[in-house]
Amino acid sequence: MSSKENITHHKDGYKIAGGRVGILLVHSLGGSPDEMRYLAQAFGREGYTVNCPFIPGLTAGTDISGISTWEDWYAGLLDTFNEMHKTCDKVYVGGLSAGAVLALRLAADHPDRVEGIMLFAPTLWPNGWAIPWYFNLFKLVRERFTARLFHFRQRAPYGIKDERIRKFIFERFADANRPIEDLFGRGGGLVHQFRRLVTEVKTQLGTVKLPALIMHPRFDDQSDLSNAFKLQRELAGPVETVVLEDCYHMITLDRQRHVVVERATQFVDRLVAATARPMQGGMMAKQVVNSAAAAE
């Protein structure tokens, strides 16, 4: 049976039925589970149980008024995590951009229930080359009410280097009669809550001792590579860092998505195999892997 036949949709999220090892994937700020679909299907083909949840407040179109908090997003993620543990013995968690920060929070709070984490273009603050300089002034906004008065629109290339993929996404939204601003715009309330989340998670980085995979574009338009290197330095566990040479921020969708799939599945496969037999020697040390040679 193919992974597609096992997919169950729930609102805008979906699950792939599999074995006793689960993969929980979290999309970006104001994004959708579709961002993780290509990666999810790859894990599904390997026999893993996969869940890409719809998270009220975090998922696009679910918090137009900007009233949700990061605690609401986290509660939604935790519900899915707990549900997965009813059928899975082990759960690995991955997230894209802001989703990676939520994955870190989950790992810090539940180190005995998360086996490993995958951080895809992790974002502690949007500081890529396409982010306008005045965006940093938003840090001066402290009150939630004031933050809700702002609305941020991304600039081209919108996190996607491959023009064909970018065009496909534009056309998909056009077919759905939804303005492009719905896809690429972010309300100030949403960004304000994300900043609060990051502030909390930064204090926990040194407590995260789980194996971690970080994958980040060298030329990220939304989130500079310094975000990945900060996490590599401050996480307390073994970290494998893969620097991608030919994509922008949305690495699970862009032209090196096959590299993301390869490294992510290898990472989980290796950890699953290691726990299935007595550990020999230590875990891998922190390392940086340049994936340019793998990008074809």
C-alpha atoms as a PDB file:
ATOM      1  CA  MET A   1       0.000   0.000   0.000  1.00  0.00           C
ATOM      2  CA  SER A   2       1.428   3.400  -0.964  1.00  0.00           C
ATOM      3  CA  SER A   3       1.796   6.266   1.484  1.00  0.00           C
ATOM      4  CA  LYS A   4      -0.828   8.210  -0.494  1.00  0.00           C
ATOM      5  CA  GLU A   5      -3.404   5.518   0.253  1.00  0.00           C
ATOM      6  CA  ASN A   6      -2.658   5.898   3.961  1.00  0.00           C
ATOM      7  CA  ILE A   7      -3.152   9.650   4.078  1.00  0.00           C
ATOM      8  CA  THR A   8      -6.015  10.893   6.235  1.00  0.00           C
ATOM      9  CA  HIS A   9      -6.925  14.576   5.988  1.00  0.00           C
ATOM     10  CA  HIS A  10      -8.093  16.496   9.035  1.00  0.00           C
ATOM     11  CA  LYS A  11      -9.093  20.037   8.143  1.00  0.00           C
ATOM     12  CA  ASP A  12      -5.927  21.255   6.407  1.00  0.00           C
ATOM     13  CA  GLY A  13      -3.637  18.785   8.173  1.00  0.00           C
ATOM     14  CA  TYR A  14      -3.051  15.161   7.332  1.00  0.00           C
ATOM     15  CA  LYS A  15      -1.676  11.932   8.669  1.00  0.00           C
ATOM     16  CA  ILE A  16       0.148   9.022   7.087  1.00  0.00           C
ATOM     17  CA  ALA A  17      -0.404   5.702   8.808  1.00  0.00           C
ATOM     18  CA  GLY A  18       2.695   3.641   9.461  1.00  0.00           C
ATOM     19  CA  GLY A  19       4.641   1.810  12.121  1.00  0.00           C
ATOM     20  CA  ARG A  20       5.440   2.420  15.771  1.00  0.00           C
ATOM     21  CA  VAL A  21       7.904   5.244  15.068  1.00  0.00           C
ATOM     22  CA  GLY A  22       6.279   8.618  14.499  1.00  0.00           C
ATOM     23  CA  ILE A  23       7.358  11.780  12.702  1.00  0.00           C
ATOM     24  CA  LEU A  24       5.682  15.024  13.779  1.00  0.00           C
ATOM     25  CA  LEU A  25       6.229  17.899  11.319  1.00  0.00           C
ATOM     26  CA  VAL A  26       5.381  21.534  12.067  1.00  0.00           C
ATOM     27  CA  HIS A  27       4.918  24.166   9.364  1.00  0.00           C
ATOM     28  CA  SER A  28       6.070  27.789   9.407  1.00  0.00           C
ATOM     29  CA  LEU A  29       4.515  30.931  10.892  1.00  0.00           C
ATOM     30  CA  GLY A  30       1.271  31.604   9.044  1.00  0.00           C
ATOM     31  CA  GLY A  31       2.004  28.697   6.712  1.00  0.00           C
ATOM     32  CA  SER A  32       0.257  25.381   6.139  1.00  0.00           C
ATOM     33  CA  PRO A  33       0.899  21.639   6.446  1.00  0.00           C
ATOM     34  CA  ASP A  34       1.382  21.570   2.662  1.00  0.00           C
ATOM     35  CA  GLU A  35       4.864  22.992   3.266  1.00  0.00           C
ATOM     36  CA  MET A  36       5.827  19.647   4.809  1.00  0.00           C
ATOM     37  CA  ARG A  37       3.967  17.360   2.399  1.00  0.00           C
ATOM     38  CA  TYR A  38       6.928  16.333   0.213  1.00  0.00           C
ATOM     39  CA  LEU A  39       9.011  15.442   3.263  1.00  0.00           C
ATOM     40  CA  ALA A  40       6.075  13.741   4.980  1.00  0.00           C
ATOM     41  CA  GLN A  41       5.418  11.497   2.004  1.00  0.00           C
ATOM     42  CA  ALA A  42       9.079  10.473   1.946  1.00  0.00           C
ATOM     43  CA  PHE A  43       8.896   9.406   5.590  1.00  0.00           C
ATOM     44  CA  GLY A  44       5.612   7.641   4.835  1.00  0.00           C
ATOM     45  CA  ARG A  45       7.248   5.598   2.090  1.00  0.00           C
ATOM     46  CA  GLU A  46       9.791   4.420   4.659  1.00  0.00           C
ATOM     47  CA  GLY A  47       7.029   3.089   6.886  1.00  0.00           C
ATOM     48  CA  TYR A  48       6.910   5.834   9.507  1.00  0.00           C
ATOM     49  CA  THR A  49       3.717   7.207  10.986  1.00  0.00           C
ATOM     50  CA  VAL A  50       3.595  10.888  10.017  1.00  0.00           C
ATOM     51  CA  ASN A  51       1.467  13.747  11.283  1.00  0.00           C
ATOM     52  CA  CYS A  52       1.472  17.272   9.832  1.00  0.00           C
ATOM     53  CA  PRO A  53      -1.074  19.031  12.028  1.00  0.00           C
ATOM     54  CA  PHE A  54      -3.381  21.931  11.426  1.00  0.00           C
ATOM     55  CA  ILE A  55      -2.537  24.291  14.312  1.00  0.00           C
ATOM     56  CA  PRO A  56      -5.104  27.003  15.099  1.00  0.00           C
ATOM     57  CA  GLY A  57      -3.414  30.380  15.254  1.00  0.00           C
ATOM     58  CA  LEU A  58      -0.230  29.221  13.540  1.00  0.00           C
ATOM     59  CA  THR A  59      -1.833  27.916  10.337  1.00  0.00           C
ATOM     60  CA  ALA A  60      -2.671  30.481   7.649  1.00  0.00           C
ATOM     61  CA  GLY A  61      -6.155  31.952   7.821  1.00  0.00           C
ATOM     62  CA  THR A  62      -6.929  30.741  11.343  1.00  0.00           C
ATOM     63  CA  ASP A  63      -6.175  33.948  13.247  1.00  0.00           C
ATOM     64  CA  ILE A  64      -7.111  36.900  11.064  1.00  0.00           C
ATOM     65  CA  SER A  65      -7.706  39.096  14.121  1.00  0.00           C
ATOM     66  CA  GLY A  66      -4.330  38.235  15.635  1.00  0.00           C
ATOM     67  CA  ILE A  67      -5.703  37.177  19.010  1.00  0.00           C
ATOM     68  CA  SER A  68      -3.976  33.806  19.419  1.00  0.00           C
ATOM     69  CA  THR A  69      -0.865  33.411  21.547  1.00  0.00           C
ATOM     70  CA  TRP A  70       2.171  31.222  21.119  1.00  0.00           C
ATOM     71  CA  GLU A  71       0.879  29.236  24.073  1.00  0.00           C
ATOM     72  CA  ASP A  72      -2.202  28.438  21.970  1.00  0.00           C
ATOM     73  CA  TRP A  73      -0.011  27.179  19.114  1.00  0.00           C
ATOM     74  CA  TYR A  74       2.040  25.098  21.493  1.00  0.00           C
ATOM     75  CA  ALA A  75      -1.061  23.614  23.105  1.00  0.00           C
ATOM     76  CA  GLY A  76      -2.292  22.527  19.677  1.00  0.00           C
ATOM     77  CA  LEU A  77       1.062  20.949  18.895  1.00  0.00           C
ATOM     78  CA  LEU A  78       1.166  19.221  22.273  1.00  0.00           C
ATOM     79  CA  ASP A  79      -2.282  17.726  21.668  1.00  0.00           C
ATOM     80  CA  THR A  80      -1.044  16.159  18.428  1.00  0.00           C
ATOM     81  CA  PHE A  81       2.156  14.985  20.119  1.00  0.00           C
ATOM     82  CA  ASN A  82       0.228  13.277  22.910  1.00  0.00           C
ATOM     83  CA  GLU A  83      -2.139  11.696  20.400  1.00  0.00           C
ATOM     84  CA  MET A  84       0.793  10.261  18.437  1.00  0.00           C
ATOM     85  CA  HIS A  85       2.232   8.676  21.564  1.00  0.00           C
ATOM     86  CA  LYS A  86      -0.912   6.575  21.891  1.00  0.00           C
ATOM     87  CA  THR A  87       0.143   4.548  18.841  1.00  0.00           C
ATOM     88  CA  CYS A  88       3.879   5.286  18.544  1.00  0.00           C
ATOM     89  CA  ASP A  89       6.662   4.105  20.827  1.00  0.00           C
ATOM     90  CA  LYS A  90       9.024   6.837  19.626  1.00  0.00           C
ATOM     91  CA  VAL A  91       8.364  10.261  18.122  1.00  0.00           C
ATOM     92  CA  TYR A  92      10.776  12.512  16.229  1.00  0.00           C
ATOM     93  CA  VAL A  93       9.842  16.154  15.754  1.00  0.00           C
ATOM     94  CA  GLY A  94      10.730  18.491  12.907  1.00  0.00           C
ATOM     95  CA  GLY A  95       9.762  22.047  12.079  1.00  0.00           C
ATOM     96  CA  LEU A  96      10.220  24.630   9.355  1.00  0.00           C
ATOM     97  CA  SER A  97      11.204  28.197  10.276  1.00  0.00           C
ATOM     98  CA  ALA A  98       9.022  29.165  13.266  1.00  0.00           C
ATOM     99  CA  GLY A  99       7.874  25.548  13.381  1.00  0.00           C
ATOM    100  CA  ALA A 100      11.454  24.644  14.279  1.00  0.00           C
ATOM    101  CA  VAL A 101      11.216  26.900  17.337  1.00  0.00           C
ATOM    102  CA  LEU A 102       8.056  25.109  18.446  1.00  0.00           C
ATOM    103  CA  ALA A 103       9.866  21.797  17.929  1.00  0.00           C
ATOM    104  CA  LEU A 104      12.660  23.046  20.187  1.00  0.00           C
ATOM    105  CA  ARG A 105      10.152  24.004  22.857  1.00  0.00           C
ATOM    106  CA  LEU A 106       8.618  20.547  22.721  1.00  0.00           C
ATOM    107  CA  ALA A 107      12.051  18.919  22.970  1.00  0.00           C
ATOM    108  CA  ALA A 108      13.013  21.089  25.941  1.00  0.00           C
ATOM    109  CA  ASP A 109       9.788  20.369  27.810  1.00  0.00           C
ATOM    110  CA  HIS A 110       9.624  16.634  27.019  1.00  0.00           C
ATOM    111  CA  PRO A 111      13.179  15.305  26.605  1.00  0.00           C
ATOM    112  CA  ASP A 112      12.087  11.824  27.649  1.00  0.00           C
ATOM    113  CA  ARG A 113       9.358  11.653  24.992  1.00  0.00           C
ATOM    114  CA  VAL A 114      11.108  13.210  21.989  1.00  0.00           C
ATOM    115  CA  GLU A 115      13.800  11.081  20.349  1.00  0.00           C
ATOM    116  CA  GLY A 116      15.377  13.702  18.106  1.00  0.00           C
ATOM    117  CA  ILE A 117      14.677  17.020  16.405  1.00  0.00           C
ATOM    118  CA  MET A 118      14.958  18.273  12.827  1.00  0.00           C
ATOM    119  CA  LEU A 119      15.229  22.028  12.349  1.00  0.00           C
ATOM    120  CA  PHE A 120      14.596  23.218   8.797  1.00  0.00           C
ATOM    121  CA  ALA A 121      15.715  26.827   8.180  1.00  0.00           C
ATOM    122  CA  PRO A 122      15.197  27.590  11.886  1.00  0.00           C
ATOM    123  CA  THR A 123      14.335  31.211  12.566  1.00  0.00           C
ATOM    124  CA  LEU A 124      15.088  33.020  15.795  1.00  0.00           C
ATOM    125  CA  TRP A 125      14.479  36.346  14.066  1.00  0.00           C
ATOM    126  CA  PRO A 126      13.816  37.193  10.395  1.00  0.00           C
ATOM    127  CA  ASN A 127      17.080  38.771   9.244  1.00  0.00           C
ATOM    128  CA  GLY A 128      17.613  37.456   5.715  1.00  0.00           C
ATOM    129  CA  TRP A 129      18.665  39.578   2.778  1.00  0.00           C
ATOM    130  CA  ALA A 130      15.073  40.156   1.582  1.00  0.00           C
ATOM    131  CA  ILE A 131      13.866  41.480   4.944  1.00  0.00           C
ATOM    132  CA  PRO A 132      13.606  45.307   4.895  1.00  0.00           C
ATOM    133  CA  TRP A 133      15.783  47.154   7.397  1.00  0.00           C
ATOM    134  CA  TYR A 134      12.814  48.795   9.086  1.00  0.00           C
ATOM    135  CA  PHE A 135      11.432  45.412  10.140  1.00  0.00           C
ATOM    136  CA  ASN A 136      13.874  45.504  13.056  1.00  0.00           C
ATOM    137  CA  LEU A 137      12.051  48.548  14.405  1.00  0.00           C
ATOM    138  CA  PHE A 138       9.186  46.211  15.269  1.00  0.00           C
ATOM    139  CA  LYS A 139      11.319  45.013  18.176  1.00  0.00           C
ATOM    140  CA  LEU A 140      10.468  48.320  19.840  1.00  0.00           C
ATOM    141  CA  VAL A 141       6.786  47.369  19.897  1.00  0.00           C
ATOM    142  CA  ARG A 142       6.063  45.857  23.298  1.00  0.00           C
ATOM    143  CA  GLU A 143       2.298  45.908  23.600  1.00  0.00           C
ATOM    144  CA  ARG A 144       0.182  43.305  21.866  1.00  0.00           C
ATOM    145  CA  PHE A 145      -2.538  45.809  20.984  1.00  0.00           C
ATOM    146  CA  THR A 146      -0.027  48.023  19.179  1.00  0.00           C
ATOM    147  CA  ALA A 147       1.522  45.036  17.409  1.00  0.00           C
ATOM    148  CA  ARG A 148      -1.859  44.108  15.942  1.00  0.00           C
ATOM    149  CA  LEU A 149      -1.905  47.416  14.061  1.00  0.00           C
ATOM    150  CA  PHE A 150       0.965  46.210  11.855  1.00  0.00           C
ATOM    151  CA  HIS A 151       0.898  43.955   8.814  1.00  0.00           C
ATOM    152  CA  PHE A 152       4.025  42.708   7.070  1.00  0.00           C
ATOM    153  CA  ARG A 153       4.223  41.632   3.457  1.00  0.00           C
ATOM    154  CA  GLN A 154       7.175  39.622   2.250  1.00  0.00           C
ATOM    155  CA  ARG A 155       9.187  40.611  -0.777  1.00  0.00           C
ATOM    156  CA  ALA A 156      10.072  38.465  -3.750  1.00  0.00           C
ATOM    157  CA  PRO A 157      11.374  35.758  -3.979  1.00  0.00           C
ATOM    158  CA  TYR A 158       9.137  34.770  -1.030  1.00  0.00           C
ATOM    159  CA  GLY A 159      11.492  32.115   0.267  1.00  0.00           C
ATOM    160  CA  ILE A 160      11.582  30.132  -2.976  1.00  0.00           C
ATOM    161  CA  LYS A 161      14.504  30.263  -5.396  1.00  0.00           C
ATOM    162  CA  ASP A 162      13.069  27.955  -8.047  1.00  0.00           C
ATOM    163  CA  GLU A 163      10.901  30.107 -10.312  1.00  0.00           C
ATOM    164  CA  ARG A 164       8.821  27.152 -11.493  1.00  0.00           C
ATOM    165  CA  ILE A 165       7.873  26.209  -7.950  1.00  0.00           C
ATOM    166  CA  ARG A 166       7.124  29.824  -7.098  1.00  0.00           C
ATOM    167  CA  LYS A 167       4.885  30.106 -10.163  1.00  0.00           C
ATOM    168  CA  PHE A 168       3.085  26.883  -9.240  1.00  0.00           C
ATOM    169  CA  ILE A 169       2.301  28.227  -5.771  1.00  0.00           C
ATOM    170  CA  PHE A 170       1.055  31.513  -7.203  1.00  0.00           C
ATOM    171  CA  GLU A 171      -1.206  29.647  -9.629  1.00  0.00           C
ATOM    172  CA  ARG A 172      -2.552  27.411  -6.888  1.00  0.00           C
ATOM    173  CA  PHE A 173      -3.598  30.417  -4.851  1.00  0.00           C
ATOM    174  CA  ALA A 174      -5.083  32.062  -7.930  1.00  0.00           C
ATOM    175  CA  ASP A 175      -7.160  28.940  -8.550  1.00  0.00           C
ATOM    176  CA  ALA A 176      -8.431  29.106  -4.990  1.00  0.00           C
ATOM    177  CA  ASN A 177      -9.442  32.763  -5.446  1.00  0.00           C
ATOM    178  CA  ARG A 178      -7.183  33.763  -2.577  1.00  0.00           C
ATOM    179  CA  PRO A 179      -4.969  36.859  -2.715  1.00  0.00           C
ATOM    180  CA  ILE A 180      -1.220  36.352  -2.664  1.00  0.00           C
ATOM    181  CA  GLU A 181      -1.101  38.518   0.462  1.00  0.00           C
ATOM    182  CA  ASP A 182      -2.856  35.699   2.333  1.00  0.00           C
ATOM    183  CA  LEU A 183       0.096  33.452   1.600  1.00  0.00           C
ATOM    184  CA  PHE A 184       2.991  35.821   2.184  1.00  0.00           C
ATOM    185  CA  GLY A 185       1.554  38.390   4.592  1.00  0.00           C
ATOM    186  CA  ARG A 186       2.009  38.181   8.359  1.00  0.00           C
ATOM    187  CA  GLY A 187       0.021  40.164  10.892  1.00  0.00           C
ATOM    188  CA  GLY A 188       1.855  42.101  13.565  1.00  0.00           C
ATOM    189  CA  GLY A 189       0.074  40.164  16.298  1.00  0.00           C
ATOM    190  CA  LEU A 190       1.386  36.909  14.865  1.00  0.00           C
ATOM    191  CA  VAL A 191       4.946  38.241  14.672  1.00  0.00           C
ATOM    192  CA  HIS A 192       4.694  39.645  18.200  1.00  0.00           C
ATOM    193  CA  GLN A 193       3.718  36.245  19.587  1.00  0.00           C
ATOM    194  CA  PHE A 194       6.499  34.588  17.626  1.00  0.00           C
ATOM    195  CA  ARG A 195       8.981  36.968  19.241  1.00  0.00           C
ATOM    196  CA  ARG A 196       7.620  36.004  22.667  1.00  0.00           C
ATOM    197  CA  LEU A 197       8.033  32.324  21.796  1.00  0.00           C
ATOM    198  CA  VAL A 198      11.643  32.823  20.718  1.00  0.00           C
ATOM    199  CA  THR A 199      12.436  34.708  23.926  1.00  0.00           C
ATOM    200  CA  GLU A 200      11.192  31.749  25.951  1.00  0.00           C
ATOM    201  CA  VAL A 201      12.929  29.094  23.867  1.00  0.00           C
ATOM    202  CA  LYS A 202      16.299  30.870  23.905  1.00  0.00           C
ATOM    203  CA  THR A 203      16.458  30.329  27.663  1.00  0.00           C
ATOM    204  CA  GLN A 204      15.985  26.579  27.132  1.00  0.00           C
ATOM    205  CA  LEU A 205      18.516  25.868  24.384  1.00  0.00           C
ATOM    206  CA  GLY A 206      21.213  24.729  26.788  1.00  0.00           C
ATOM    207  CA  THR A 207      18.885  22.113  28.255  1.00  0.00           C
ATOM    208  CA  VAL A 208      18.185  20.390  24.921  1.00  0.00           C
ATOM    209  CA  LYS A 209      20.483  17.356  24.821  1.00  0.00           C
ATOM    210  CA  LEU A 210      18.688  15.399  22.109  1.00  0.00           C
ATOM    211  CA  PRO A 211      20.293  14.653  18.734  1.00  0.00           C
ATOM    212  CA  ALA A 212      19.512  17.473  16.319  1.00  0.00           C
ATOM    213  CA  LEU A 213      19.674  17.948  12.573  1.00  0.00           C
ATOM    214  CA  ILE A 214      19.844  21.546  11.346  1.00  0.00           C
ATOM    215  CA  MET A 215      19.402  22.288   7.643  1.00  0.00           C
ATOM    216  CA  HIS A 216      19.723  25.891   6.510  1.00  0.00           C
ATOM    217  CA  PRO A 217      20.302  27.709   3.203  1.00  0.00           C
ATOM    218  CA  ARG A 218      23.512  29.667   2.892  1.00  0.00           C
ATOM    219  CA  PHE A 219      21.662  32.436   1.041  1.00  0.00           C
ATOM    220  CA  ASP A 220      18.401  32.396   3.002  1.00  0.00           C
ATOM    221  CA  ASP A 221      16.286  35.396   2.022  1.00  0.00           C
ATOM    222  CA  GLN A 222      14.229  35.316   5.228  1.00  0.00           C
ATOM    223  CA  SER A 223      16.470  33.971   7.967  1.00  0.00           C
ATOM    224  CA  ASP A 224      20.226  34.409   7.882  1.00  0.00           C
ATOM    225  CA  LEU A 225      22.523  31.419   8.361  1.00  0.00           C
ATOM    226  CA  SER A 226      23.580  32.928  11.689  1.00  0.00           C
ATOM    227  CA  ASN A 227      20.322  31.553  13.137  1.00  0.00           C
ATOM    228  CA  ALA A 228      21.487  28.005  12.463  1.00  0.00           C
ATOM    229  CA  PHE A 229      24.983  28.584  13.816  1.00  0.00           C
ATOM    230  CA  LYS A 230      23.619  30.088  17.036  1.00  0.00           C
ATOM    231  CA  LEU A 231      21.555  26.959  17.589  1.00  0.00           C
ATOM    232  CA  GLN A 232      24.515  24.753  16.748  1.00  0.00           C
ATOM    233  CA  ARG A 233      26.580  26.508  19.418  1.00  0.00           C
ATOM    234  CA  GLU A 234      23.961  26.577  22.152  1.00  0.00           C
ATOM    235  CA  LEU A 235      22.193  23.231  21.885  1.00  0.00           C
ATOM    236  CA  ALA A 236      23.669  20.813  24.416  1.00  0.00           C
ATOM    237  CA  GLY A 237      23.325  17.621  22.393  1.00  0.00           C
ATOM    238  CA  PRO A 238      24.967  16.268  19.224  1.00  0.00           C
ATOM    239  CA  VAL A 239      24.193  18.507  16.258  1.00  0.00           C
ATOM    240  CA  GLU A 240      24.543  17.818  12.549  1.00  0.00           C
ATOM    241  CA  THR A 241      24.350  20.996  10.463  1.00  0.00           C
ATOM    242  CA  VAL A 242      23.772  20.858   6.720  1.00  0.00           C
ATOM    243  CA  VAL A 243      24.307  24.051   4.724  1.00  0.00           C
ATOM    244  CA  LEU A 244      22.294  24.145   1.507  1.00  0.00           C
ATOM    245  CA  GLU A 245      23.757  26.034  -1.446  1.00  0.00           C
ATOM    246  CA  ASP A 246      20.928  26.233  -3.983  1.00  0.00           C
ATOM    247  CA  CYS A 247      17.678  27.210  -2.293  1.00  0.00           C
ATOM    248  CA  TYR A 248      16.090  29.912  -0.196  1.00  0.00           C
ATOM    249  CA  HIS A 249      14.105  29.812   3.031  1.00  0.00           C
ATOM    250  CA  MET A 250      11.361  27.294   2.188  1.00  0.00           C
ATOM    251  CA  ILE A 251      13.749  24.374   1.909  1.00  0.00           C
ATOM    252  CA  THR A 252      11.046  21.700   2.106  1.00  0.00           C
ATOM    253  CA  LEU A 253       9.532  23.109  -1.109  1.00  0.00           C
ATOM    254  CA  ASP A 254      12.475  24.585  -3.006  1.00  0.00           C
ATOM    255  CA  ARG A 255      14.856  23.007  -5.492  1.00  0.00           C
ATOM    256  CA  GLN A 256      16.954  21.162  -2.882  1.00  0.00           C
ATOM    257  CA  ARG A 257      13.965  19.483  -1.252  1.00  0.00           C
ATOM    258  CA  HIS A 258      15.367  16.111  -2.345  1.00  0.00           C
ATOM    259  CA  VAL A 259      18.500  16.834  -0.284  1.00  0.00           C
ATOM    260  CA  VAL A 260      16.301  17.732   2.680  1.00  0.00           C
ATOM    261  CA  VAL A 261      14.459  14.428   2.300  1.00  0.00           C
ATOM    262  CA  GLU A 262      17.669  12.430   1.985  1.00  0.00           C
ATOM    263  CA  ARG A 263      19.375  13.955   5.030  1.00  0.00           C
ATOM    264  CA  ALA A 264      16.267  13.956   7.204  1.00  0.00           C
ATOM    265  CA  THR A 265      15.362  10.328   6.534  1.00  0.00           C
ATOM    266  CA  GLN A 266      18.989   9.273   7.015  1.00  0.00           C
ATOM    267  CA  PHE A 267      19.068  11.138  10.327  1.00  0.00           C
ATOM    268  CA  VAL A 268      15.993   9.371  11.679  1.00  0.00           C
ATOM    269  CA  ASP A 269      16.937   5.986  10.198  1.00  0.00           C
ATOM    270  CA  ARG A 270      20.321   6.198  11.897  1.00  0.00           C
ATOM    271  CA  LEU A 271      18.854   7.065  15.290  1.00  0.00           C
ATOM    272  CA  VAL A 272      16.216   4.351  15.039  1.00  0.00           C
ATOM    273  CA  ALA A 273      18.896   1.799  14.178  1.00  0.00           C
ATOM    274  CA  ALA A 274      21.095   3.005  17.043  1.00  0.00           C
ATOM    275  CA  THR A 275      18.346   2.544  19.611  1.00  0.00           C
ATOM    276  CA  ALA A 276      17.619  -0.920  18.269  1.00  0.00           C
ATOM    277  CA  ARG A 277      21.072  -2.149  19.262  1.00  0.00           C
ATOM    278  CA  PRO A 278      23.572  -1.376  22.059  1.00  0.00           C
ATOM    279  CA  MET A 279      25.311   1.939  21.475  1.00  0.00           C
ATOM    280  CA  GLN A 280      28.937   1.577  20.416  1.00  0.00           C
ATOM    281  CA  GLY A 281      31.029   4.624  21.221  1.00  0.00           C
ATOM    282  CA  GLY A 282      29.562   8.095  21.471  1.00  0.00           C
ATOM    283  CA  MET A 283      27.105   9.892  19.318  1.00  0.00           C
ATOM    284  CA  MET A 284      28.383  12.035  16.482  1.00  0.00           C
ATOM    285  CA  ALA A 285      30.084  15.263  17.488  1.00  0.00           C
ATOM    286  CA  LYS A 286      28.839  18.606  16.315  1.00  0.00           C
ATOM    287  CA  GLN A 287      29.638  18.983  12.654  1.00  0.00           C
ATOM    288  CA  VAL A 288      28.913  21.089   9.614  1.00  0.00           C
ATOM    289  CA  VAL A 289      28.111  19.378   6.335  1.00  0.00           C
ATOM    290  CA  ASN A 290      28.126  21.356   3.105  1.00  0.00           C
ATOM    291  CA  SER A 291      25.608  19.785   0.763  1.00  0.00           C
ATOM    292  CA  ALA A 292      26.622  21.593  -2.404  1.00  0.00           C
ATOM    293  CA  ALA A 293      27.997  18.390  -3.889  1.00  0.00           C
ATOM    294  CA  ALA A 294      24.665  16.688  -3.306  1.00  0.00           C
ATOM    295  CA  ALA A 295      22.700  19.401  -5.067  1.00  0.00           C
ATOM    296  CA  GLU A 296      22.212  18.416  -8.655  1.00  0.00           C
END
